[in-house]
Amino acid sequence: MPPAEPVQHISFFEAEAVAAWAGKRLPTEAEWERAAQSADSDGGANLGRDSFGPLPVARRATSSVGCECMLGDVWEWTSSPFTGYPGFTAFPYAEYSEVFFGNEHRVLRGGSWATDPLVARVTFRNWDYPQRRQLFSGVRLAADA
């Protein structure tokens, strides 16, 4: 694996283990979205299968709070279960997500290199079983200030 690229194809449990090893944690879904604000506005995200894999981590797709590479490369696991919240609207249709609400699935955010740019935005919610790793999934670490 190229050392400058983000890790991909890891499960939620593996992402949690990496966070614990680093003395950090996975962000909540709300923390992830706050950190990603404005990341989709500069067009530097690695989306749409143009690269056929993650790119080396570099200063691209930086958010308004200084987080880099928030969109594209890999889906990022959050610590949040996939549930509804006030104001949430399913996209592109209700059956796409609402039938999966509950504690069995975990939320992933950010899109991957294989995600269509038409749906990738900081508010898009993906989900999967925590033991699965085939969604081009990776990890972003968080720490308490």
N, C-alpha and C. Protein backbone atom coordinates (compact mmCIF):
# COMPACT_ATOMS: atom_id res chain seq x y z
N MET A 1 0.84 -1.18 0.00
CA MET A 1 0.00 0.00 0.00
C MET A 1 0.88 1.24 0.00
N PRO A 2 0.60 2.19 -0.87
CA PRO A 2 1.38 3.43 -0.89
C PRO A 2 1.22 4.18 0.44
N PRO A 3 2.31 4.52 1.09
CA PRO A 3 2.23 5.11 2.43
C PRO A 3 1.57 6.49 2.48
N ALA A 4 1.51 7.22 1.38
CA ALA A 4 0.91 8.55 1.39
C ALA A 4 -0.60 8.53 1.14
N GLU A 5 -1.14 7.35 0.79
CA GLU A 5 -2.57 7.25 0.52
C GLU A 5 -3.33 6.85 1.78
N PRO A 6 -4.60 7.30 1.87
CA PRO A 6 -5.40 6.86 3.02
C PRO A 6 -5.71 5.37 2.91
N VAL A 7 -5.79 4.71 4.05
CA VAL A 7 -6.14 3.29 4.07
C VAL A 7 -7.59 3.15 3.59
N GLN A 8 -7.88 2.06 2.90
CA GLN A 8 -9.26 1.81 2.48
C GLN A 8 -9.61 0.35 2.69
N HIS A 9 -10.90 0.08 2.67
CA HIS A 9 -11.45 -1.26 2.89
C HIS A 9 -11.25 -1.73 4.33
N ILE A 10 -11.49 -0.85 5.30
CA ILE A 10 -11.44 -1.27 6.69
C ILE A 10 -12.84 -1.19 7.29
N SER A 11 -13.11 -2.05 8.24
CA SER A 11 -14.41 -2.10 8.89
C SER A 11 -14.50 -1.02 9.97
N PHE A 12 -15.69 -0.79 10.47
CA PHE A 12 -15.90 0.13 11.59
C PHE A 12 -15.06 -0.31 12.78
N PHE A 13 -15.04 -1.61 13.06
CA PHE A 13 -14.29 -2.13 14.19
C PHE A 13 -12.79 -1.88 14.02
N GLU A 14 -12.29 -2.05 12.80
CA GLU A 14 -10.88 -1.76 12.53
C GLU A 14 -10.60 -0.27 12.65
N ALA A 15 -11.53 0.56 12.19
CA ALA A 15 -11.37 2.01 12.33
C ALA A 15 -11.32 2.41 13.80
N GLU A 16 -12.19 1.80 14.62
CA GLU A 16 -12.16 2.06 16.07
C GLU A 16 -10.82 1.64 16.68
N ALA A 17 -10.30 0.52 16.24
CA ALA A 17 -9.01 0.03 16.76
C ALA A 17 -7.88 0.98 16.39
N VAL A 18 -7.88 1.49 15.17
CA VAL A 18 -6.86 2.47 14.76
C VAL A 18 -6.97 3.71 15.64
N ALA A 19 -8.18 4.19 15.86
CA ALA A 19 -8.37 5.37 16.70
C ALA A 19 -7.86 5.14 18.12
N ALA A 20 -8.19 3.99 18.69
CA ALA A 20 -7.73 3.68 20.05
C ALA A 20 -6.21 3.59 20.09
N TRP A 21 -5.60 2.96 19.10
CA TRP A 21 -4.15 2.84 19.02
C TRP A 21 -3.49 4.23 18.99
N ALA A 22 -4.14 5.18 18.29
CA ALA A 22 -3.61 6.53 18.16
C ALA A 22 -3.98 7.43 19.35
N GLY A 23 -4.74 6.89 20.30
CA GLY A 23 -5.17 7.70 21.44
C GLY A 23 -6.25 8.70 21.08
N LYS A 24 -7.01 8.37 20.05
CA LYS A 24 -8.08 9.27 19.58
C LYS A 24 -9.37 8.48 19.51
N ARG A 25 -10.34 8.97 18.74
CA ARG A 25 -11.64 8.32 18.59
C ARG A 25 -12.18 8.63 17.21
N LEU A 26 -13.25 7.94 16.82
CA LEU A 26 -13.96 8.28 15.59
C LEU A 26 -14.85 9.48 15.88
N PRO A 27 -15.00 10.38 14.91
CA PRO A 27 -15.90 11.51 15.13
C PRO A 27 -17.36 11.06 15.10
N THR A 28 -18.21 11.81 15.77
CA THR A 28 -19.64 11.58 15.60
C THR A 28 -20.02 12.09 14.22
N GLU A 29 -21.18 11.72 13.75
CA GLU A 29 -21.64 12.21 12.45
C GLU A 29 -21.73 13.74 12.45
N ALA A 30 -22.24 14.32 13.53
CA ALA A 30 -22.37 15.78 13.62
C ALA A 30 -21.00 16.46 13.61
N GLU A 31 -20.04 15.88 14.31
CA GLU A 31 -18.69 16.45 14.30
C GLU A 31 -18.08 16.39 12.91
N TRP A 32 -18.28 15.26 12.23
CA TRP A 32 -17.74 15.11 10.88
C TRP A 32 -18.33 16.18 9.96
N GLU A 33 -19.65 16.35 10.02
CA GLU A 33 -20.29 17.32 9.12
C GLU A 33 -19.83 18.75 9.42
N ARG A 34 -19.67 19.08 10.69
CA ARG A 34 -19.18 20.41 11.05
C ARG A 34 -17.77 20.62 10.51
N ALA A 35 -16.92 19.63 10.64
CA ALA A 35 -15.54 19.74 10.16
C ALA A 35 -15.48 19.84 8.64
N ALA A 36 -16.48 19.31 7.94
CA ALA A 36 -16.47 19.29 6.48
C ALA A 36 -17.11 20.51 5.84
N GLN A 37 -17.65 21.42 6.61
CA GLN A 37 -18.33 22.57 6.03
C GLN A 37 -17.46 23.26 4.99
N SER A 38 -18.03 23.51 3.85
CA SER A 38 -17.44 24.17 2.67
C SER A 38 -16.45 23.30 1.90
N ALA A 39 -16.23 22.07 2.31
CA ALA A 39 -15.26 21.22 1.62
C ALA A 39 -15.68 20.91 0.19
N ASP A 40 -16.97 20.91 -0.10
CA ASP A 40 -17.41 20.55 -1.44
C ASP A 40 -17.43 21.72 -2.41
N SER A 41 -17.05 22.89 -1.96
CA SER A 41 -17.18 24.07 -2.82
C SER A 41 -15.96 24.35 -3.69
N ASP A 42 -14.82 23.72 -3.40
CA ASP A 42 -13.62 24.07 -4.16
C ASP A 42 -13.31 23.13 -5.32
N GLY A 43 -14.02 22.02 -5.45
CA GLY A 43 -13.84 21.12 -6.58
C GLY A 43 -12.60 20.26 -6.52
N GLY A 44 -11.89 20.21 -5.41
CA GLY A 44 -10.67 19.43 -5.33
C GLY A 44 -10.85 18.02 -4.83
N ALA A 45 -12.09 17.55 -4.73
CA ALA A 45 -12.35 16.22 -4.19
C ALA A 45 -12.04 15.13 -5.21
N ASN A 46 -11.57 14.00 -4.73
CA ASN A 46 -11.26 12.84 -5.57
C ASN A 46 -12.50 11.97 -5.66
N LEU A 47 -13.35 12.27 -6.63
CA LEU A 47 -14.63 11.58 -6.81
C LEU A 47 -14.77 11.15 -8.26
N GLY A 48 -15.75 10.30 -8.54
CA GLY A 48 -16.14 9.99 -9.90
C GLY A 48 -15.29 8.99 -10.65
N ARG A 49 -14.50 8.20 -9.97
CA ARG A 49 -13.70 7.15 -10.58
C ARG A 49 -12.64 7.67 -11.55
N ASP A 50 -12.26 8.93 -11.44
CA ASP A 50 -11.22 9.46 -12.32
C ASP A 50 -9.85 8.88 -11.99
N SER A 51 -9.61 8.60 -10.72
CA SER A 51 -8.29 8.13 -10.30
C SER A 51 -8.23 6.62 -10.11
N PHE A 52 -9.38 5.95 -10.03
CA PHE A 52 -9.47 4.51 -9.74
C PHE A 52 -8.70 4.14 -8.47
N GLY A 53 -8.80 4.99 -7.47
CA GLY A 53 -8.21 4.73 -6.17
C GLY A 53 -7.99 6.03 -5.43
N PRO A 54 -7.67 5.94 -4.14
CA PRO A 54 -7.40 7.15 -3.38
C PRO A 54 -6.11 7.80 -3.87
N LEU A 55 -6.02 9.09 -3.70
CA LEU A 55 -4.82 9.84 -4.06
C LEU A 55 -3.99 10.10 -2.80
N PRO A 56 -2.71 10.39 -2.98
CA PRO A 56 -1.91 10.75 -1.80
C PRO A 56 -2.54 11.91 -1.05
N VAL A 57 -2.47 11.86 0.26
CA VAL A 57 -3.02 12.93 1.08
C VAL A 57 -2.21 14.19 0.79
N ALA A 58 -2.91 15.24 0.46
CA ALA A 58 -2.27 16.51 0.14
C ALA A 58 -3.25 17.63 0.45
N ARG A 59 -2.84 18.83 0.25
CA ARG A 59 -3.71 19.97 0.55
C ARG A 59 -4.70 20.16 -0.60
N ARG A 60 -5.80 19.45 -0.53
CA ARG A 60 -6.88 19.59 -1.50
C ARG A 60 -8.19 19.37 -0.77
N ALA A 61 -9.25 19.95 -1.25
CA ALA A 61 -10.58 19.84 -0.65
C ALA A 61 -10.54 20.17 0.84
N THR A 62 -9.90 21.28 1.18
CA THR A 62 -9.79 21.71 2.57
C THR A 62 -11.08 22.40 3.00
N SER A 63 -11.56 22.07 4.19
CA SER A 63 -12.80 22.66 4.70
C SER A 63 -12.52 24.03 5.32
N SER A 64 -13.58 24.72 5.68
CA SER A 64 -13.44 26.06 6.27
C SER A 64 -12.79 26.03 7.64
N VAL A 65 -12.72 24.86 8.29
CA VAL A 65 -12.06 24.77 9.60
C VAL A 65 -10.70 24.08 9.48
N GLY A 66 -10.21 23.90 8.26
CA GLY A 66 -8.87 23.40 8.05
C GLY A 66 -8.69 21.90 7.90
N CYS A 67 -9.77 21.14 7.81
CA CYS A 67 -9.66 19.69 7.61
C CYS A 67 -9.46 19.41 6.13
N GLU A 68 -8.52 18.53 5.82
CA GLU A 68 -8.19 18.23 4.44
C GLU A 68 -8.86 16.95 3.96
N CYS A 69 -9.12 16.90 2.65
CA CYS A 69 -9.62 15.69 1.98
C CYS A 69 -10.91 15.16 2.61
N MET A 70 -11.86 16.03 2.86
CA MET A 70 -13.12 15.61 3.49
C MET A 70 -14.04 14.90 2.51
N LEU A 71 -13.93 15.18 1.23
CA LEU A 71 -14.76 14.52 0.23
C LEU A 71 -13.87 13.75 -0.73
N GLY A 72 -14.27 12.52 -1.01
CA GLY A 72 -13.54 11.69 -1.95
C GLY A 72 -12.50 10.83 -1.25
N ASP A 73 -11.76 10.11 -2.02
CA ASP A 73 -10.76 9.14 -1.57
C ASP A 73 -11.41 7.95 -0.90
N VAL A 74 -11.89 8.05 0.36
CA VAL A 74 -12.54 6.93 1.05
C VAL A 74 -13.74 7.44 1.84
N TRP A 75 -14.75 6.59 1.99
CA TRP A 75 -15.83 6.85 2.94
C TRP A 75 -15.21 6.80 4.33
N GLU A 76 -15.65 7.67 5.22
CA GLU A 76 -15.07 7.72 6.56
C GLU A 76 -16.10 7.28 7.60
N TRP A 77 -15.74 6.28 8.38
CA TRP A 77 -16.62 5.79 9.44
C TRP A 77 -16.80 6.87 10.51
N THR A 78 -18.02 6.97 11.03
CA THR A 78 -18.27 7.80 12.21
C THR A 78 -18.69 6.88 13.34
N SER A 79 -18.75 7.41 14.53
CA SER A 79 -19.18 6.60 15.67
C SER A 79 -20.70 6.52 15.79
N SER A 80 -21.42 7.19 14.91
CA SER A 80 -22.87 7.31 15.02
C SER A 80 -23.62 6.14 14.39
N PRO A 81 -24.66 5.66 15.09
CA PRO A 81 -25.56 4.67 14.45
C PRO A 81 -26.41 5.39 13.40
N PHE A 82 -26.89 4.63 12.43
CA PHE A 82 -27.69 5.22 11.35
C PHE A 82 -29.14 5.35 11.78
N THR A 83 -29.50 6.53 12.21
CA THR A 83 -30.86 6.84 12.64
C THR A 83 -31.29 8.16 12.02
N GLY A 84 -32.55 8.49 12.20
CA GLY A 84 -33.04 9.78 11.74
C GLY A 84 -32.72 10.86 12.76
N TYR A 85 -32.90 12.09 12.36
CA TYR A 85 -32.75 13.22 13.27
C TYR A 85 -33.68 14.33 12.77
N PRO A 86 -34.01 15.31 13.61
CA PRO A 86 -34.94 16.36 13.20
C PRO A 86 -34.46 17.06 11.92
N GLY A 87 -35.34 17.14 10.96
CA GLY A 87 -35.02 17.79 9.70
C GLY A 87 -34.39 16.89 8.65
N PHE A 88 -34.09 15.64 8.98
CA PHE A 88 -33.48 14.74 8.00
C PHE A 88 -34.48 14.38 6.92
N THR A 89 -34.06 14.47 5.67
CA THR A 89 -34.86 14.07 4.52
C THR A 89 -34.07 13.01 3.75
N ALA A 90 -34.69 11.87 3.54
CA ALA A 90 -34.03 10.80 2.81
C ALA A 90 -33.73 11.24 1.38
N PHE A 91 -32.60 10.81 0.85
CA PHE A 91 -32.20 11.13 -0.52
C PHE A 91 -31.57 9.89 -1.13
N PRO A 92 -31.89 9.52 -2.29
CA PRO A 92 -32.80 10.17 -3.22
C PRO A 92 -34.27 9.81 -3.02
N TYR A 93 -34.57 8.81 -2.17
CA TYR A 93 -35.96 8.45 -1.88
C TYR A 93 -36.00 7.77 -0.51
N ALA A 94 -37.17 7.79 0.13
CA ALA A 94 -37.30 7.32 1.51
C ALA A 94 -36.80 5.89 1.72
N GLU A 95 -37.13 4.99 0.79
CA GLU A 95 -36.75 3.59 0.94
C GLU A 95 -35.25 3.37 0.81
N TYR A 96 -34.53 4.38 0.35
CA TYR A 96 -33.09 4.26 0.21
C TYR A 96 -32.40 4.22 1.57
N SER A 97 -33.00 4.84 2.57
CA SER A 97 -32.32 4.89 3.86
C SER A 97 -33.20 4.56 5.06
N GLU A 98 -34.40 5.06 5.11
CA GLU A 98 -35.21 4.95 6.32
C GLU A 98 -35.44 3.52 6.80
N VAL A 99 -35.53 2.57 5.89
CA VAL A 99 -35.74 1.18 6.29
C VAL A 99 -34.52 0.59 7.00
N PHE A 100 -33.38 1.27 6.94
CA PHE A 100 -32.16 0.79 7.58
C PHE A 100 -31.87 1.48 8.92
N PHE A 101 -32.75 2.40 9.34
CA PHE A 101 -32.52 3.10 10.61
C PHE A 101 -32.44 2.12 11.76
N GLY A 102 -31.55 2.39 12.70
CA GLY A 102 -31.40 1.56 13.89
C GLY A 102 -29.95 1.46 14.29
N ASN A 103 -29.68 0.64 15.27
CA ASN A 103 -28.33 0.50 15.79
C ASN A 103 -27.47 -0.53 15.06
N GLU A 104 -28.05 -1.22 14.07
CA GLU A 104 -27.28 -2.25 13.36
C GLU A 104 -26.28 -1.67 12.37
N HIS A 105 -26.55 -0.48 11.84
CA HIS A 105 -25.70 0.13 10.82
C HIS A 105 -24.98 1.34 11.41
N ARG A 106 -23.80 1.63 10.89
CA ARG A 106 -23.04 2.81 11.28
C ARG A 106 -22.97 3.76 10.09
N VAL A 107 -22.85 5.05 10.39
CA VAL A 107 -22.81 6.09 9.37
C VAL A 107 -21.40 6.27 8.83
N LEU A 108 -21.32 6.39 7.50
CA LEU A 108 -20.09 6.76 6.81
C LEU A 108 -20.34 8.09 6.11
N ARG A 109 -19.34 8.92 6.05
CA ARG A 109 -19.51 10.22 5.40
C ARG A 109 -18.34 10.48 4.46
N GLY A 110 -18.54 11.39 3.52
CA GLY A 110 -17.47 11.91 2.68
C GLY A 110 -17.33 11.38 1.28
N GLY A 111 -17.89 10.25 0.97
CA GLY A 111 -17.74 9.71 -0.38
C GLY A 111 -16.36 9.11 -0.61
N SER A 112 -16.25 8.34 -1.66
CA SER A 112 -14.97 7.72 -2.02
C SER A 112 -14.62 8.10 -3.45
N TRP A 113 -13.47 7.62 -3.88
CA TRP A 113 -13.05 7.88 -5.26
C TRP A 113 -14.04 7.29 -6.26
N ALA A 114 -14.86 6.32 -5.84
CA ALA A 114 -15.83 5.69 -6.74
C ALA A 114 -17.22 6.31 -6.65
N THR A 115 -17.40 7.33 -5.82
CA THR A 115 -18.71 7.96 -5.62
C THR A 115 -18.97 8.99 -6.71
N ASP A 116 -20.18 8.98 -7.24
CA ASP A 116 -20.57 9.95 -8.26
C ASP A 116 -20.60 11.35 -7.64
N PRO A 117 -19.96 12.32 -8.26
CA PRO A 117 -19.94 13.68 -7.73
C PRO A 117 -21.33 14.32 -7.62
N LEU A 118 -22.32 13.79 -8.35
CA LEU A 118 -23.66 14.35 -8.27
C LEU A 118 -24.32 14.10 -6.92
N VAL A 119 -23.92 13.06 -6.20
CA VAL A 119 -24.50 12.79 -4.88
C VAL A 119 -23.53 13.11 -3.74
N ALA A 120 -22.26 13.23 -4.03
CA ALA A 120 -21.28 13.47 -2.97
C ALA A 120 -21.35 14.93 -2.53
N ARG A 121 -21.70 15.12 -1.31
CA ARG A 121 -21.70 16.44 -0.69
C ARG A 121 -21.59 16.22 0.81
N VAL A 122 -21.28 17.25 1.57
CA VAL A 122 -21.02 17.06 3.00
C VAL A 122 -22.24 16.59 3.77
N THR A 123 -23.43 16.74 3.22
CA THR A 123 -24.63 16.32 3.93
C THR A 123 -25.09 14.91 3.56
N PHE A 124 -24.44 14.26 2.58
CA PHE A 124 -24.87 12.93 2.16
C PHE A 124 -24.47 11.90 3.20
N ARG A 125 -25.42 11.03 3.56
CA ARG A 125 -25.20 10.00 4.58
C ARG A 125 -25.17 8.63 3.91
N ASN A 126 -24.10 7.89 4.16
CA ASN A 126 -24.03 6.51 3.75
C ASN A 126 -24.03 5.66 5.02
N TRP A 127 -24.26 4.38 4.89
CA TRP A 127 -24.31 3.51 6.06
C TRP A 127 -23.95 2.09 5.65
N ASP A 128 -23.54 1.32 6.63
CA ASP A 128 -23.28 -0.10 6.37
C ASP A 128 -23.17 -0.81 7.72
N TYR A 129 -23.16 -2.14 7.63
CA TYR A 129 -22.91 -2.94 8.82
C TYR A 129 -21.48 -2.68 9.28
N PRO A 130 -21.24 -2.61 10.57
CA PRO A 130 -19.89 -2.28 11.06
C PRO A 130 -18.82 -3.31 10.72
N GLN A 131 -19.20 -4.54 10.43
CA GLN A 131 -18.20 -5.55 10.12
C GLN A 131 -17.78 -5.55 8.65
N ARG A 132 -18.48 -4.80 7.80
CA ARG A 132 -18.17 -4.82 6.37
C ARG A 132 -17.09 -3.81 6.02
N ARG A 133 -16.34 -4.13 4.96
CA ARG A 133 -15.25 -3.25 4.56
C ARG A 133 -15.15 -3.05 3.05
N GLN A 134 -16.19 -3.36 2.31
CA GLN A 134 -16.10 -3.27 0.86
C GLN A 134 -16.55 -1.94 0.26
N LEU A 135 -16.85 -0.96 1.06
CA LEU A 135 -17.35 0.33 0.55
C LEU A 135 -16.25 1.36 0.33
N PHE A 136 -15.02 0.94 0.10
CA PHE A 136 -13.91 1.89 0.02
C PHE A 136 -13.90 2.75 1.29
N SER A 137 -14.03 2.09 2.41
CA SER A 137 -14.17 2.78 3.70
C SER A 137 -12.82 2.94 4.38
N GLY A 138 -12.67 4.08 5.05
CA GLY A 138 -11.45 4.39 5.76
C GLY A 138 -11.75 5.03 7.10
N VAL A 139 -10.83 5.83 7.59
CA VAL A 139 -10.94 6.37 8.93
C VAL A 139 -10.48 7.82 8.98
N ARG A 140 -11.14 8.60 9.79
CA ARG A 140 -10.70 9.94 10.17
C ARG A 140 -10.74 9.97 11.68
N LEU A 141 -9.72 10.52 12.29
CA LEU A 141 -9.61 10.52 13.73
C LEU A 141 -10.06 11.84 14.32
N ALA A 142 -10.60 11.78 15.52
CA ALA A 142 -11.03 12.97 16.25
C ALA A 142 -10.43 12.93 17.64
N ALA A 143 -10.31 14.11 18.23
CA ALA A 143 -9.82 14.22 19.60
C ALA A 143 -10.59 15.33 20.28
N ASP A 144 -10.74 15.21 21.57
CA ASP A 144 -11.39 16.26 22.34
C ASP A 144 -10.44 17.43 22.51
N ALA A 145 -10.98 18.63 22.40
CA ALA A 145 -10.13 19.84 22.53
C ALA A 145 -9.85 20.16 23.98
